[in-house]
Amino acid sequence: MKVLWFSNTPGLANGYLKGKSFGGGWIDALQLGVEAVDDCDLGFVFYTDRSMDSFKYGRTSYFPVQRTLNSKLKRLWARILTKVEYEENMNSFLNIIEEFKPDVIHVHGTESPFGLITKRVKDVPVAISIQGNLNVLAKKYFSGIAYSSIANSWSSLLNKTTQDFRIFRKKAVIEVEILRNTKYVFGRTDWDKRISRVLAPQSKYFVIDEVMRPCFYNRQWSVKKKEVVRIFTTSSNSLYKGFEVIVKTAALLKKKNFSFEWTVAGLNLQDELVQLSIRQQSIASLESTGIKLLGMINAETILDKMLDADLYVQVSHIENSPNSVCEAMLLGMPVIASNVGGTSSLIDDNETGILFQDGNSVALAGKIIEISNQKTFAESLGKAAYKVAHERHDQKRIVSKLMDAYSEVISIHN
């Protein structure tokens, strides 16, 4: 079977390209599993900033496509104008398909214009994996910090947050076009299935879970006996990630004289989301709230920090199946997460984790205090999460289901 992937990242080719990496991600982990399948020939299309020939690395054939926005100046100008790529690279995509001659094409995500090939490619089946959904994301973008508090001057035109939002809205229009022409959808939560029934109503839906980063499979969390409760969160500099919820909740915990340290990976003090959250809450410094930012760190460091913590907390305003929650569950950590998107497909409330109403910092603070005072309950949540997560994210099972899905898609299409 010849399978051609389209992805936003170069996957395992990072080793060849010597690109900066923070431990790889789910696409790398899935690729490792697919490469181990003897009768599968994998091709991989990804974006690059410079012109490159195709190459072979490991067991995968790579086809780099140079971005139209391939320089800092072009990207800066495009960001100011909130320009997004549409079909500028369509001929390159079609030429690669003609060269590789795949039996099936798998496009990872709807965030890039790769999926527009569904309009042009008819003789080869094209399956689309739903990672997130930009149409829903755009509606939830300003859930925690109001648009009016940011876009109140001409300077907001150059503001990262408002620029990102305008870019998301434009990409969301393209996403609708991609899904409208999609016949085969790969998803993993009730949330993305329901979305696909509306935006890709003619498609057949396949449940394909995600493989997590390898280092999270072989370690297990245990209950700590410390006076200071250590909370851990992984986030990023996007408004919908809900960092302001952390700031509000930490302030409430401080007022209750609750002894804690809240460590956040993926954010720096200079990040716009952090500064917006500080201004919104009118606090003097993050240190005064018990929050510590680690910036970007690799997977192994994140793993060590999580194992040293007492609790994992997820505060996003919208997610499909947040990998950070999946990794925490794989470790057997007690998890508290906002009940948004597909998160309820991951967590059975009060059985494998705890869900709280999105943005409700009072409820979150109460749940943190509650679970911190119930070590036995926290341990039982972690053990249940560990069992469920290891079944859900089993690499061999997922790769087997994926290969079966490819075969079924090919059979249906022919």
Protein backbone atom coordinates (compact mmCIF):
# COMPACT_ATOMS: atom_id res chain seq x y z
CA MET A 1 0.00 0.00 0.00
CA LYS A 2 1.31 3.43 -0.96
CA VAL A 3 0.17 6.14 1.43
CA LEU A 4 0.86 9.87 0.98
CA TRP A 5 0.63 12.17 3.98
CA PHE A 6 0.23 15.96 3.97
CA SER A 7 1.28 17.54 7.27
CA ASN A 8 2.03 20.95 8.81
CA THR A 9 5.28 19.57 10.25
CA PRO A 10 8.09 17.50 8.65
CA GLY A 11 7.60 14.67 11.12
CA LEU A 12 10.64 12.47 11.57
CA ALA A 13 12.46 14.43 8.85
CA ASN A 14 13.42 16.88 11.60
CA GLY A 15 16.40 14.61 12.15
CA TYR A 16 17.43 15.08 8.53
CA LEU A 17 16.71 18.80 8.41
CA LYS A 18 18.31 19.38 11.82
CA GLY A 19 15.40 21.61 12.68
CA LYS A 20 14.76 22.85 16.19
CA SER A 21 12.61 20.33 17.99
CA PHE A 22 11.10 20.09 21.47
CA GLY A 23 10.75 16.31 21.52
CA GLY A 24 8.52 15.74 18.51
CA GLY A 25 4.79 15.34 18.63
CA TRP A 26 1.93 13.00 17.85
CA ILE A 27 2.66 13.03 14.10
CA ASP A 28 6.21 11.76 14.77
CA ALA A 29 4.90 9.05 17.08
CA LEU A 30 2.29 7.90 14.56
CA GLN A 31 4.86 7.94 11.77
CA LEU A 32 7.15 5.65 13.76
CA GLY A 33 4.32 3.14 13.97
CA VAL A 34 3.43 3.35 10.27
CA GLU A 35 7.07 3.02 9.22
CA ALA A 36 7.14 -0.30 11.08
CA VAL A 37 4.41 -1.72 8.82
CA ASP A 38 6.23 -3.91 6.29
CA ASP A 39 3.82 -3.58 3.39
CA CYS A 40 3.31 0.19 3.65
CA ASP A 41 5.25 2.68 1.51
CA LEU A 42 4.91 6.11 3.10
CA GLY A 43 5.29 9.46 1.33
CA PHE A 44 5.28 12.73 3.27
CA VAL A 45 4.50 16.25 1.99
CA PHE A 46 5.42 19.22 4.18
CA TYR A 47 6.18 22.92 3.89
CA THR A 48 9.66 24.39 3.89
CA ASP A 49 10.97 27.95 3.63
CA ARG A 50 13.55 27.10 0.98
CA SER A 51 13.57 25.21 -2.28
CA MET A 52 14.47 21.55 -1.67
CA ASP A 53 14.51 18.37 -3.69
CA SER A 54 12.61 15.32 -2.52
CA PHE A 55 14.61 12.94 -0.36
CA LYS A 56 14.47 9.59 1.43
CA TYR A 57 15.06 9.44 5.18
CA GLY A 58 14.44 6.30 7.18
CA ARG A 59 11.63 4.41 5.49
CA THR A 60 9.77 7.52 4.31
CA SER A 61 9.97 9.47 1.03
CA TYR A 62 9.73 13.22 1.68
CA PHE A 63 8.43 15.89 -0.68
CA PRO A 64 9.18 19.43 0.56
CA VAL A 65 7.02 22.24 -0.82
CA GLN A 66 8.36 25.77 -0.59
CA ARG A 67 5.94 28.15 1.07
CA THR A 68 4.76 31.15 -0.88
CA LEU A 69 5.54 33.16 2.27
CA ASN A 70 9.13 31.92 2.42
CA SER A 71 10.92 34.92 3.90
CA LYS A 72 10.60 36.97 7.07
CA LEU A 73 9.68 40.06 5.06
CA LYS A 74 6.93 38.22 3.15
CA ARG A 75 5.57 36.71 6.36
CA LEU A 76 5.60 40.09 8.10
CA TRP A 77 3.76 41.76 5.22
CA ALA A 78 1.28 38.88 5.01
CA ARG A 79 0.64 39.09 8.75
CA ILE A 80 -0.03 42.83 8.56
CA LEU A 81 -2.48 42.19 5.71
CA THR A 82 -3.67 38.94 7.37
CA LYS A 83 -3.07 37.14 4.10
CA VAL A 84 -3.46 33.35 4.06
CA GLU A 85 -2.44 30.81 1.44
CA TYR A 86 -5.17 29.40 -0.73
CA GLU A 87 -4.30 27.41 -3.90
CA GLU A 88 -0.91 28.96 -4.64
CA ASN A 89 0.87 25.61 -4.23
CA MET A 90 -1.82 23.40 -5.75
CA ASN A 91 0.26 22.48 -8.80
CA SER A 92 3.11 21.35 -6.56
CA PHE A 93 0.71 19.16 -4.58
CA LEU A 94 -0.73 17.63 -7.75
CA ASN A 95 2.72 17.01 -9.24
CA ILE A 96 3.81 15.16 -6.10
CA ILE A 97 0.68 13.03 -6.22
CA GLU A 98 1.39 12.19 -9.83
CA GLU A 99 5.01 11.32 -9.04
CA PHE A 100 4.35 9.18 -5.95
CA LYS A 101 1.16 7.54 -7.27
CA PRO A 102 -0.40 6.78 -3.88
CA ASP A 103 -3.24 4.34 -3.26
CA VAL A 104 -4.61 6.68 -0.60
CA ILE A 105 -3.89 10.24 0.56
CA HIS A 106 -4.10 11.28 4.22
CA VAL A 107 -4.24 15.01 5.03
CA HIS A 108 -3.49 15.74 8.69
CA GLY A 109 -5.66 18.66 9.76
CA THR A 110 -7.81 21.33 8.16
CA GLU A 111 -5.67 24.30 9.24
CA SER A 112 -3.58 24.37 6.04
CA PRO A 113 -4.77 24.44 2.41
CA PHE A 114 -3.52 20.88 1.75
CA GLY A 115 -7.08 19.61 1.97
CA LEU A 116 -8.15 21.67 -1.04
CA ILE A 117 -6.81 18.79 -3.14
CA THR A 118 -10.18 17.12 -2.43
CA LYS A 119 -11.61 19.37 -5.17
CA ARG A 120 -9.02 18.34 -7.73
CA VAL A 121 -8.06 14.73 -6.99
CA LYS A 122 -10.77 12.26 -7.98
CA ASP A 123 -8.95 9.05 -8.88
CA VAL A 124 -7.25 8.65 -5.47
CA PRO A 125 -9.22 8.66 -2.17
CA VAL A 126 -8.38 11.54 0.18
CA ALA A 127 -8.98 11.19 3.92
CA ILE A 128 -8.88 14.21 6.22
CA SER A 129 -7.91 13.95 9.90
CA ILE A 130 -9.66 16.48 12.10
CA GLN A 131 -7.17 17.96 14.57
CA GLY A 132 -9.17 20.98 15.71
CA ASN A 133 -11.82 23.10 14.05
CA LEU A 134 -11.11 26.70 13.11
CA ASN A 135 -14.78 27.63 12.71
CA VAL A 136 -15.55 26.74 16.32
CA LEU A 137 -12.21 28.11 17.52
CA ALA A 138 -12.90 31.52 15.98
CA LYS A 139 -16.20 31.71 17.87
CA LYS A 140 -14.52 30.80 21.17
CA TYR A 141 -11.39 32.90 20.63
CA PHE A 142 -12.36 35.77 22.92
CA SER A 143 -14.10 33.69 25.61
CA GLY A 144 -11.73 34.79 28.37
CA ILE A 145 -10.47 38.22 27.30
CA ALA A 146 -12.95 40.43 25.46
CA TYR A 147 -12.18 41.62 21.94
CA SER A 148 -13.15 45.15 22.96
CA SER A 149 -10.36 45.26 25.54
CA ILE A 150 -7.76 44.57 22.85
CA ALA A 151 -8.99 46.05 19.58
CA ASN A 152 -9.53 49.57 20.88
CA SER A 153 -7.05 51.47 18.73
CA TRP A 154 -5.36 51.49 15.33
CA SER A 155 -2.37 49.82 16.96
CA SER A 156 -4.50 46.70 17.33
CA LEU A 157 -4.06 46.13 13.58
CA LEU A 158 -0.48 45.08 14.38
CA ASN A 159 -1.44 43.23 17.53
CA LYS A 160 -0.63 39.49 17.42
CA THR A 161 -3.90 38.51 19.05
CA THR A 162 -6.17 40.40 16.67
CA GLN A 163 -4.02 39.43 13.67
CA ASP A 164 -4.26 35.77 14.64
CA PHE A 165 -8.01 36.09 14.98
CA ARG A 166 -8.43 37.60 11.51
CA ILE A 167 -6.18 34.89 10.07
CA PHE A 168 -8.20 32.18 11.84
CA ARG A 169 -11.42 33.55 10.34
CA LYS A 170 -9.98 33.49 6.82
CA LYS A 171 -8.63 29.97 7.28
CA ALA A 172 -12.01 28.92 8.66
CA VAL A 173 -13.62 29.80 5.32
CA ILE A 174 -11.11 27.55 3.55
CA GLU A 175 -11.75 24.83 6.13
CA VAL A 176 -15.45 24.82 5.23
CA GLU A 177 -14.53 24.38 1.57
CA ILE A 178 -12.15 21.51 2.42
CA LEU A 179 -14.68 19.61 4.51
CA ARG A 180 -17.51 20.22 2.05
CA ASN A 181 -15.57 18.18 -0.51
CA THR A 182 -14.29 15.51 1.92
CA LYS A 183 -15.55 11.94 1.58
CA TYR A 184 -13.52 10.30 4.36
CA VAL A 185 -12.96 11.78 7.82
CA PHE A 186 -10.67 10.47 10.57
CA GLY A 187 -11.61 11.71 14.06
CA ARG A 188 -11.56 10.58 17.69
CA THR A 189 -14.14 12.43 19.79
CA ASP A 190 -17.90 12.90 19.86
CA TRP A 191 -17.25 16.59 19.26
CA ASP A 192 -15.32 16.22 15.99
CA LYS A 193 -17.77 13.56 14.77
CA ARG A 194 -20.71 15.93 15.25
CA ILE A 195 -18.85 18.73 13.51
CA SER A 196 -18.05 16.47 10.57
CA ARG A 197 -21.73 15.49 10.26
CA VAL A 198 -22.53 19.16 9.63
CA LEU A 199 -19.49 20.36 7.66
CA ALA A 200 -18.79 17.09 5.79
CA PRO A 201 -22.25 15.46 5.77
CA GLN A 202 -21.51 13.17 2.83
CA SER A 203 -18.37 11.72 4.42
CA LYS A 204 -17.75 8.38 6.11
CA TYR A 205 -16.35 8.80 9.63
CA PHE A 206 -13.58 6.61 11.09
CA VAL A 207 -12.44 6.63 14.73
CA ILE A 208 -8.63 6.86 14.76
CA ASP A 209 -7.09 7.71 18.14
CA GLU A 210 -3.76 9.49 18.51
CA VAL A 211 -0.35 8.06 19.39
CA MET A 212 1.39 10.13 22.04
CA ARG A 213 5.09 10.94 22.42
CA PRO A 214 7.00 7.73 23.31
CA CYS A 215 8.53 8.98 26.58
CA PHE A 216 5.08 9.27 28.22
CA TYR A 217 4.29 5.55 27.94
CA ASN A 218 6.93 4.14 30.26
CA ARG A 219 6.63 6.24 33.43
CA GLN A 220 3.93 6.43 36.09
CA TRP A 221 2.94 9.19 38.48
CA SER A 222 2.61 8.59 42.20
CA VAL A 223 1.04 10.54 45.07
CA LYS A 224 3.34 13.04 46.78
CA LYS A 225 3.36 13.91 50.45
CA LYS A 226 4.24 17.59 50.38
CA GLU A 227 2.74 20.58 52.13
CA VAL A 228 2.94 22.72 48.98
CA VAL A 229 0.60 21.49 46.22
CA ARG A 230 2.32 21.50 42.85
CA ILE A 231 0.08 22.16 39.84
CA PHE A 232 1.29 21.76 36.25
CA THR A 233 -0.14 23.05 32.97
CA THR A 234 1.11 23.06 29.38
CA SER A 235 -0.10 25.99 27.27
CA SER A 236 0.79 28.25 24.36
CA ASN A 237 0.56 31.92 23.40
CA SER A 238 -2.98 31.77 21.99
CA LEU A 239 -5.89 33.61 23.55
CA TYR A 240 -8.23 30.61 23.54
CA LYS A 241 -5.78 28.63 25.71
CA GLY A 242 -7.23 30.39 28.76
CA PHE A 243 -4.15 31.54 30.65
CA GLU A 244 -6.26 34.25 32.29
CA VAL A 245 -8.22 31.45 34.01
CA ILE A 246 -4.98 30.31 35.66
CA VAL A 247 -4.28 33.85 36.86
CA LYS A 248 -7.81 34.27 38.28
CA THR A 249 -7.77 30.86 39.94
CA ALA A 250 -4.32 31.39 41.45
CA ALA A 251 -5.47 34.71 42.91
CA LEU A 252 -8.46 32.99 44.53
CA LEU A 253 -6.25 30.25 45.97
CA LYS A 254 -3.93 32.88 47.44
CA LYS A 255 -6.85 34.57 49.16
CA LYS A 256 -7.75 31.23 50.71
CA ASN A 257 -4.15 30.88 51.99
CA PHE A 258 -3.88 27.68 49.99
CA SER A 259 -0.22 26.68 49.67
CA PHE A 260 0.65 25.91 46.04
CA GLU A 261 3.04 26.39 43.13
CA TRP A 262 1.55 26.55 39.62
CA THR A 263 4.07 25.82 36.87
CA VAL A 264 3.18 26.56 33.24
CA ALA A 265 5.24 25.27 30.30
CA GLY A 266 5.06 26.86 26.85
CA LEU A 267 4.71 30.49 27.92
CA ASN A 268 7.12 33.34 28.72
CA LEU A 269 6.49 36.54 30.64
CA GLN A 270 6.88 38.52 27.39
CA ASP A 271 4.11 36.62 25.59
CA GLU A 272 1.12 38.75 24.70
CA LEU A 273 -1.37 36.38 26.31
CA VAL A 274 0.52 36.60 29.59
CA GLN A 275 0.67 40.40 29.50
CA LEU A 276 -3.02 40.67 28.62
CA SER A 277 -3.93 38.38 31.51
CA ILE A 278 -1.79 40.35 33.97
CA ARG A 279 -3.39 43.62 32.88
CA GLN A 280 -6.88 42.15 33.03
CA GLN A 281 -6.40 41.03 36.63
CA SER A 282 -4.40 44.15 37.65
CA ILE A 283 -1.74 42.15 39.45
CA ALA A 284 1.74 43.43 40.23
CA SER A 285 3.59 40.27 39.20
CA LEU A 286 3.04 36.62 38.42
CA GLU A 287 5.35 35.65 41.27
CA SER A 288 2.88 37.14 43.73
CA THR A 289 0.21 34.73 42.45
CA GLY A 290 2.34 31.59 42.76
CA ILE A 291 2.65 31.10 39.00
CA LYS A 292 5.98 30.16 37.40
CA LEU A 293 6.51 30.19 33.61
CA LEU A 294 9.02 27.79 32.05
CA GLY A 295 8.84 28.86 28.40
CA MET A 296 9.40 26.24 25.72
CA ILE A 297 10.93 23.06 27.11
CA ASN A 298 11.47 19.61 25.60
CA ALA A 299 9.33 16.54 26.16
CA GLU A 300 11.66 14.94 28.68
CA THR A 301 11.72 18.06 30.85
CA ILE A 302 7.92 18.32 30.68
CA LEU A 303 7.71 14.67 31.70
CA ASP A 304 9.93 15.21 34.75
CA LYS A 305 7.95 18.29 35.82
CA MET A 306 4.66 16.42 35.50
CA LEU A 307 5.89 13.46 37.53
CA ASP A 308 6.98 15.88 40.25
CA ALA A 309 3.59 17.61 40.32
CA ASP A 310 0.49 16.70 42.31
CA LEU A 311 -2.08 17.68 39.72
CA TYR A 312 -2.44 18.46 36.03
CA VAL A 313 -4.84 21.29 35.09
CA GLN A 314 -6.13 22.12 31.60
CA VAL A 315 -7.91 25.48 31.18
CA SER A 316 -8.45 25.95 27.41
CA HIS A 317 -11.66 27.54 26.16
CA ILE A 318 -11.78 25.13 23.21
CA GLU A 319 -9.98 21.89 22.36
CA ASN A 320 -10.68 18.70 20.45
CA SER A 321 -8.57 16.15 22.33
CA PRO A 322 -5.75 18.07 24.02
CA ASN A 323 -2.55 16.03 23.85
CA SER A 324 -1.38 17.49 27.16
CA VAL A 325 -4.38 15.94 28.92
CA CYS A 326 -3.81 12.62 27.13
CA GLU A 327 -0.15 12.61 28.21
CA ALA A 328 -1.06 13.42 31.82
CA MET A 329 -3.55 10.56 31.81
CA LEU A 330 -0.92 8.23 30.32
CA LEU A 331 1.27 9.02 33.32
CA GLY A 332 -1.62 8.29 35.66
CA MET A 333 -1.92 11.85 36.96
CA PRO A 334 -5.12 13.24 38.45
CA VAL A 335 -6.40 15.72 35.87
CA ILE A 336 -8.79 18.66 36.10
CA ALA A 337 -9.88 19.98 32.69
CA SER A 338 -12.34 22.48 31.25
CA ASN A 339 -15.34 20.70 29.79
CA VAL A 340 -14.96 21.96 26.23
CA GLY A 341 -14.90 20.45 22.75
CA GLY A 342 -13.97 16.78 22.79
CA THR A 343 -12.47 16.73 26.29
CA SER A 344 -15.49 14.87 27.70
CA SER A 345 -14.66 12.02 25.29
CA LEU A 346 -11.32 11.69 27.09
CA ILE A 347 -12.41 12.12 30.70
CA ASP A 348 -15.25 10.39 32.51
CA ASP A 349 -16.03 13.00 35.17
CA ASN A 350 -15.08 11.93 38.69
CA GLU A 351 -13.90 8.56 37.35
CA THR A 352 -10.83 9.20 35.17
CA GLY A 353 -10.50 12.91 35.88
CA ILE A 354 -12.50 15.98 36.83
CA LEU A 355 -14.28 18.37 34.46
CA PHE A 356 -15.17 21.97 35.29
CA GLN A 357 -17.22 24.61 33.52
CA ASP A 358 -15.12 26.58 31.05
CA GLY A 359 -13.82 29.83 32.49
CA ASN A 360 -15.25 29.22 35.97
CA SER A 361 -12.20 30.03 38.09
CA VAL A 362 -14.19 29.76 41.33
CA ALA A 363 -15.24 26.19 40.56
CA LEU A 364 -11.69 25.35 39.43
CA ALA A 365 -10.18 26.72 42.65
CA GLY A 366 -12.68 24.70 44.66
CA LYS A 367 -11.88 21.50 42.76
CA ILE A 368 -8.13 22.02 43.23
CA ILE A 369 -8.59 22.42 46.99
CA GLU A 370 -10.96 19.46 47.10
CA ILE A 371 -8.74 16.99 45.25
CA SER A 372 -5.62 18.18 47.09
CA ASN A 373 -7.28 17.27 50.39
CA GLN A 374 -8.31 13.81 49.14
CA LYS A 375 -5.09 11.95 48.32
CA THR A 376 -6.83 8.58 48.03
CA PHE A 377 -9.37 9.98 45.56
CA ALA A 378 -6.60 11.68 43.57
CA GLU A 379 -4.71 8.41 43.39
CA SER A 380 -7.81 6.51 42.23
CA LEU A 381 -8.41 9.06 39.48
CA GLY A 382 -4.82 8.69 38.33
CA LYS A 383 -4.94 4.89 38.27
CA ALA A 384 -8.19 4.89 36.30
CA ALA A 385 -6.80 7.46 33.88
CA TYR A 386 -3.64 5.40 33.40
CA LYS A 387 -5.64 2.29 32.43
CA VAL A 388 -7.98 4.10 30.04
CA ALA A 389 -5.22 6.16 28.40
CA HIS A 390 -2.94 3.18 27.76
CA GLU A 391 -5.78 1.39 26.02
CA ARG A 392 -6.82 4.45 24.04
CA HIS A 393 -3.31 5.43 22.91
CA ASP A 394 -1.87 1.97 22.27
CA GLN A 395 0.36 2.47 19.23
CA LYS A 396 -0.04 -1.00 17.73
CA ARG A 397 -3.84 -0.87 18.00
CA ILE A 398 -4.02 2.61 16.49
CA VAL A 399 -1.70 1.82 13.58
CA SER A 400 -3.64 -1.39 12.89
CA LYS A 401 -6.94 0.55 12.84
CA LEU A 402 -5.38 3.19 10.60
CA MET A 403 -4.17 0.60 8.09
CA ASP A 404 -7.62 -1.04 8.14
CA ALA A 405 -9.19 2.38 7.53
CA TYR A 406 -6.86 2.99 4.58
CA SER A 407 -7.83 -0.39 3.09
CA GLU A 408 -11.54 0.31 3.58
CA VAL A 409 -11.26 3.77 2.05
CA ILE A 410 -9.44 2.35 -0.98
CA SER A 411 -12.08 -0.40 -1.33
CA ILE A 412 -14.98 2.05 -1.10
CA HIS A 413 -13.40 4.46 -3.54
CA ASN A 414 -12.71 1.78 -6.12
